[in-house]
Amino acid sequence: MQLRAMTIKDYNQVHDLWMQIHGFGIRSIDDSYEGIERFLRRNPTTSVVAEEEGRIIGAILCGHDGRRGCLYHVCVDENFRRQGIGKAMVVFCMEALRQEQINKVTLIAFTTNDVGNAFWNQIGWVKREDINYYDFTLNEENITLFNS
């Protein structure tokens, strides 16, 4: 297994991986080719893919706003889980953020994502109970659909 920075050339394989993950949420605009291209252009070194024999088996979108980093769409192919790939990708992203002098990293995990929440707890992330998370939709066409 090899880790490397994600590029837009990885989009088709990464999107195929997202579509295989049960319960995974995909946004119609943000997760389109153009949306991911925009994200990677803004954050060229911080996202990661895990490859096995040329096939992408894991991916994380990772970026920052100059102050705080954020992980999005953390996923590993179900056939490759529990092998340390997810943790290795998280470390890759955190090191890339450190190189850009980012000192704090956040992520959002759906409350119904039992596998993901167990993973984050296991590798030492702390669930915040002291804040409320709010969002406001600027573009109603950016619809989130969940894989069944």
C-alpha atoms as a PDB file:
ATOM      1  CA  MET A   1       0.000   0.000   0.000  1.00  0.00           C
ATOM      2  CA  GLN A   2       1.296   3.425  -0.971  1.00  0.00           C
ATOM      3  CA  LEU A   3       0.118   6.864   0.181  1.00  0.00           C
ATOM      4  CA  ARG A   4       0.425   9.984  -1.936  1.00  0.00           C
ATOM      5  CA  ALA A   5      -1.170  13.387  -2.367  1.00  0.00           C
ATOM      6  CA  MET A   6      -4.473  13.279  -4.232  1.00  0.00           C
ATOM      7  CA  THR A   7      -4.687  14.965  -7.624  1.00  0.00           C
ATOM      8  CA  ILE A   8      -7.664  15.634  -9.869  1.00  0.00           C
ATOM      9  CA  LYS A   9      -6.487  12.698 -12.036  1.00  0.00           C
ATOM     10  CA  ASP A  10      -7.650  10.474  -9.166  1.00  0.00           C
ATOM     11  CA  TYR A  11     -11.211  11.781  -9.303  1.00  0.00           C
ATOM     12  CA  ASN A  12     -12.870   8.889 -11.153  1.00  0.00           C
ATOM     13  CA  GLN A  13     -11.390   6.209  -8.904  1.00  0.00           C
ATOM     14  CA  VAL A  14     -12.067   8.224  -5.735  1.00  0.00           C
ATOM     15  CA  HIS A  15     -15.656   8.875  -6.804  1.00  0.00           C
ATOM     16  CA  ASP A  16     -16.118   5.161  -7.547  1.00  0.00           C
ATOM     17  CA  LEU A  17     -14.831   4.393  -4.039  1.00  0.00           C
ATOM     18  CA  TRP A  18     -17.253   6.903  -2.486  1.00  0.00           C
ATOM     19  CA  MET A  19     -20.130   5.266  -4.335  1.00  0.00           C
ATOM     20  CA  GLN A  20     -19.238   1.860  -2.849  1.00  0.00           C
ATOM     21  CA  ILE A  21     -19.344   3.040   0.773  1.00  0.00           C
ATOM     22  CA  HIS A  22     -22.679   2.323   2.490  1.00  0.00           C
ATOM     23  CA  GLY A  23     -24.211   5.489   3.994  1.00  0.00           C
ATOM     24  CA  PHE A  24     -21.664   7.791   2.347  1.00  0.00           C
ATOM     25  CA  GLY A  25     -23.022  11.281   1.560  1.00  0.00           C
ATOM     26  CA  ILE A  26     -22.172  12.850  -1.810  1.00  0.00           C
ATOM     27  CA  ARG A  27     -22.985  16.475  -2.645  1.00  0.00           C
ATOM     28  CA  SER A  28     -24.167  17.180  -6.163  1.00  0.00           C
ATOM     29  CA  ILE A  29     -21.968  20.262  -6.711  1.00  0.00           C
ATOM     30  CA  ASP A  30     -19.180  20.114  -4.106  1.00  0.00           C
ATOM     31  CA  ASP A  31     -18.316  16.500  -4.964  1.00  0.00           C
ATOM     32  CA  SER A  32     -18.548  16.891  -8.740  1.00  0.00           C
ATOM     33  CA  TYR A  33     -15.365  16.827 -10.811  1.00  0.00           C
ATOM     34  CA  GLU A  34     -15.391  20.639 -10.903  1.00  0.00           C
ATOM     35  CA  GLY A  35     -16.018  20.904  -7.170  1.00  0.00           C
ATOM     36  CA  ILE A  36     -13.167  18.574  -6.265  1.00  0.00           C
ATOM     37  CA  GLU A  37     -10.887  20.255  -8.802  1.00  0.00           C
ATOM     38  CA  ARG A  38     -11.578  23.605  -7.098  1.00  0.00           C
ATOM     39  CA  PHE A  39     -10.919  22.082  -3.655  1.00  0.00           C
ATOM     40  CA  LEU A  40      -7.626  20.480  -4.734  1.00  0.00           C
ATOM     41  CA  ARG A  41      -6.474  23.664  -6.462  1.00  0.00           C
ATOM     42  CA  ARG A  42      -6.962  25.509  -3.156  1.00  0.00           C
ATOM     43  CA  ASN A  43      -5.389  22.650  -1.136  1.00  0.00           C
ATOM     44  CA  PRO A  44      -2.841  20.991  -3.452  1.00  0.00           C
ATOM     45  CA  THR A  45      -0.766  19.068  -0.881  1.00  0.00           C
ATOM     46  CA  THR A  46      -3.075  18.067   1.948  1.00  0.00           C
ATOM     47  CA  SER A  47      -5.491  15.472   0.524  1.00  0.00           C
ATOM     48  CA  VAL A  48      -4.400  11.844   0.253  1.00  0.00           C
ATOM     49  CA  VAL A  49      -5.108   8.583  -1.541  1.00  0.00           C
ATOM     50  CA  ALA A  50      -4.038   5.066  -0.600  1.00  0.00           C
ATOM     51  CA  GLU A  51      -3.176   2.827  -3.529  1.00  0.00           C
ATOM     52  CA  GLU A  52      -2.774  -0.902  -3.815  1.00  0.00           C
ATOM     53  CA  GLU A  53      -1.397  -2.108  -7.171  1.00  0.00           C
ATOM     54  CA  GLY A  54      -2.570   1.067  -8.933  1.00  0.00           C
ATOM     55  CA  ARG A  55      -6.085   0.920  -7.460  1.00  0.00           C
ATOM     56  CA  ILE A  56      -7.276   3.572  -5.017  1.00  0.00           C
ATOM     57  CA  ILE A  57      -8.474   1.858  -1.845  1.00  0.00           C
ATOM     58  CA  GLY A  58      -8.718   4.870   0.456  1.00  0.00           C
ATOM     59  CA  ALA A  59      -9.015   8.640   0.287  1.00  0.00           C
ATOM     60  CA  ILE A  60      -9.332  11.765   2.404  1.00  0.00           C
ATOM     61  CA  LEU A  61     -10.130  15.265   1.247  1.00  0.00           C
ATOM     62  CA  CYS A  62      -8.194  17.591   3.526  1.00  0.00           C
ATOM     63  CA  GLY A  63      -7.883  21.334   3.439  1.00  0.00           C
ATOM     64  CA  HIS A  64      -7.547  24.416   5.583  1.00  0.00           C
ATOM     65  CA  ASP A  65      -8.552  28.051   5.752  1.00  0.00           C
ATOM     66  CA  GLY A  66      -5.170  29.272   7.028  1.00  0.00           C
ATOM     67  CA  ARG A  67      -6.197  28.714  10.637  1.00  0.00           C
ATOM     68  CA  ARG A  68      -7.883  25.333  11.000  1.00  0.00           C
ATOM     69  CA  GLY A  69      -7.677  22.162   8.966  1.00  0.00           C
ATOM     70  CA  CYS A  70     -10.616  19.928   8.170  1.00  0.00           C
ATOM     71  CA  LEU A  71     -10.938  16.330   7.010  1.00  0.00           C
ATOM     72  CA  TYR A  72     -13.741  15.401   4.631  1.00  0.00           C
ATOM     73  CA  HIS A  73     -14.856  12.143   3.030  1.00  0.00           C
ATOM     74  CA  VAL A  74     -12.533   9.856   4.950  1.00  0.00           C
ATOM     75  CA  CYS A  75     -13.010   6.381   3.512  1.00  0.00           C
ATOM     76  CA  VAL A  76     -11.327   3.027   3.027  1.00  0.00           C
ATOM     77  CA  ASP A  77     -12.591   0.257   0.762  1.00  0.00           C
ATOM     78  CA  GLU A  78     -14.486  -2.186   2.972  1.00  0.00           C
ATOM     79  CA  ASN A  79     -12.192  -5.047   1.847  1.00  0.00           C
ATOM     80  CA  PHE A  80      -9.122  -3.196   3.172  1.00  0.00           C
ATOM     81  CA  ARG A  81     -10.379  -1.940   6.538  1.00  0.00           C
ATOM     82  CA  ARG A  82      -8.740  -2.708   9.897  1.00  0.00           C
ATOM     83  CA  GLN A  83      -5.254  -2.714   8.343  1.00  0.00           C
ATOM     84  CA  GLY A  84      -4.130   0.736   9.526  1.00  0.00           C
ATOM     85  CA  ILE A  85      -4.815   2.434   6.176  1.00  0.00           C
ATOM     86  CA  GLY A  86      -7.270   4.973   7.589  1.00  0.00           C
ATOM     87  CA  LYS A  87      -4.929   5.943  10.407  1.00  0.00           C
ATOM     88  CA  ALA A  88      -1.960   6.205   8.007  1.00  0.00           C
ATOM     89  CA  MET A  89      -3.967   8.514   5.740  1.00  0.00           C
ATOM     90  CA  VAL A  90      -4.984  10.691   8.719  1.00  0.00           C
ATOM     91  CA  VAL A  91      -1.330  10.981   9.768  1.00  0.00           C
ATOM     92  CA  PHE A  92      -0.393  11.917   6.167  1.00  0.00           C
ATOM     93  CA  CYS A  93      -2.975  14.721   6.197  1.00  0.00           C
ATOM     94  CA  MET A  94      -1.971  15.966   9.625  1.00  0.00           C
ATOM     95  CA  GLU A  95       1.698  16.103   8.616  1.00  0.00           C
ATOM     96  CA  ALA A  96       0.769  18.022   5.448  1.00  0.00           C
ATOM     97  CA  LEU A  97      -1.242  20.489   7.565  1.00  0.00           C
ATOM     98  CA  ARG A  98       1.661  20.841  10.018  1.00  0.00           C
ATOM     99  CA  GLN A  99       3.915  21.737   7.088  1.00  0.00           C
ATOM    100  CA  GLU A 100       1.493  24.579   6.343  1.00  0.00           C
ATOM    101  CA  GLN A 101       1.589  25.696  10.011  1.00  0.00           C
ATOM    102  CA  ILE A 102      -1.951  24.567  10.813  1.00  0.00           C
ATOM    103  CA  ASN A 103      -2.305  23.729  14.497  1.00  0.00           C
ATOM    104  CA  LYS A 104      -5.833  22.340  14.857  1.00  0.00           C
ATOM    105  CA  VAL A 105      -7.819  19.869  12.752  1.00  0.00           C
ATOM    106  CA  THR A 106     -11.548  19.169  12.784  1.00  0.00           C
ATOM    107  CA  LEU A 107     -13.895  16.756  11.094  1.00  0.00           C
ATOM    108  CA  ILE A 108     -17.580  15.974  10.982  1.00  0.00           C
ATOM    109  CA  ALA A 109     -18.914  12.443  11.376  1.00  0.00           C
ATOM    110  CA  PHE A 110     -22.622  11.743  11.067  1.00  0.00           C
ATOM    111  CA  THR A 111     -24.057  10.454  14.328  1.00  0.00           C
ATOM    112  CA  THR A 112     -25.384   7.416  12.466  1.00  0.00           C
ATOM    113  CA  ASN A 113     -21.898   6.501  11.185  1.00  0.00           C
ATOM    114  CA  ASP A 114     -21.058   3.915  13.850  1.00  0.00           C
ATOM    115  CA  VAL A 115     -17.983   2.586  12.010  1.00  0.00           C
ATOM    116  CA  GLY A 116     -16.557   6.066  11.480  1.00  0.00           C
ATOM    117  CA  ASN A 117     -17.256   7.251  15.015  1.00  0.00           C
ATOM    118  CA  ALA A 118     -15.630   4.126  16.471  1.00  0.00           C
ATOM    119  CA  PHE A 119     -12.581   4.745  14.252  1.00  0.00           C
ATOM    120  CA  TRP A 120     -12.157   8.353  15.396  1.00  0.00           C
ATOM    121  CA  ASN A 121     -12.501   7.396  19.054  1.00  0.00           C
ATOM    122  CA  GLN A 122     -10.026   4.542  18.638  1.00  0.00           C
ATOM    123  CA  ILE A 123      -7.284   6.734  17.164  1.00  0.00           C
ATOM    124  CA  GLY A 124      -7.574   9.412  19.838  1.00  0.00           C
ATOM    125  CA  TRP A 125      -9.822  12.113  18.422  1.00  0.00           C
ATOM    126  CA  VAL A 126     -12.031  13.880  20.943  1.00  0.00           C
ATOM    127  CA  LYS A 127     -15.747  14.340  20.386  1.00  0.00           C
ATOM    128  CA  ARG A 128     -16.668  17.936  21.220  1.00  0.00           C
ATOM    129  CA  GLU A 129     -19.637  18.349  23.532  1.00  0.00           C
ATOM    130  CA  ASP A 130     -19.093  22.064  24.165  1.00  0.00           C
ATOM    131  CA  ILE A 131     -20.041  23.483  20.771  1.00  0.00           C
ATOM    132  CA  ASN A 132     -22.998  23.550  18.438  1.00  0.00           C
ATOM    133  CA  TYR A 133     -22.357  23.030  14.753  1.00  0.00           C
ATOM    134  CA  TYR A 134     -24.404  25.210  12.415  1.00  0.00           C
ATOM    135  CA  ASP A 135     -24.502  25.525   8.667  1.00  0.00           C
ATOM    136  CA  PHE A 136     -26.356  27.626   6.162  1.00  0.00           C
ATOM    137  CA  THR A 137     -27.029  26.510   2.596  1.00  0.00           C
ATOM    138  CA  LEU A 138     -26.064  29.125   0.029  1.00  0.00           C
ATOM    139  CA  ASN A 139     -26.935  26.964  -2.968  1.00  0.00           C
ATOM    140  CA  GLU A 140     -30.035  24.773  -2.708  1.00  0.00           C
ATOM    141  CA  GLU A 141     -28.898  22.845  -5.820  1.00  0.00           C
ATOM    142  CA  ASN A 142     -25.977  21.376  -3.822  1.00  0.00           C
ATOM    143  CA  ILE A 143     -27.950  18.340  -2.648  1.00  0.00           C
ATOM    144  CA  THR A 144     -26.491  15.600  -0.438  1.00  0.00           C
ATOM    145  CA  LEU A 145     -27.468  12.064  -1.430  1.00  0.00           C
ATOM    146  CA  PHE A 146     -26.562   9.066   0.715  1.00  0.00           C
ATOM    147  CA  ASN A 147     -25.493   5.707  -0.715  1.00  0.00           C
ATOM    148  CA  SER A 148     -27.759   2.857   0.347  1.00  0.00           C
END
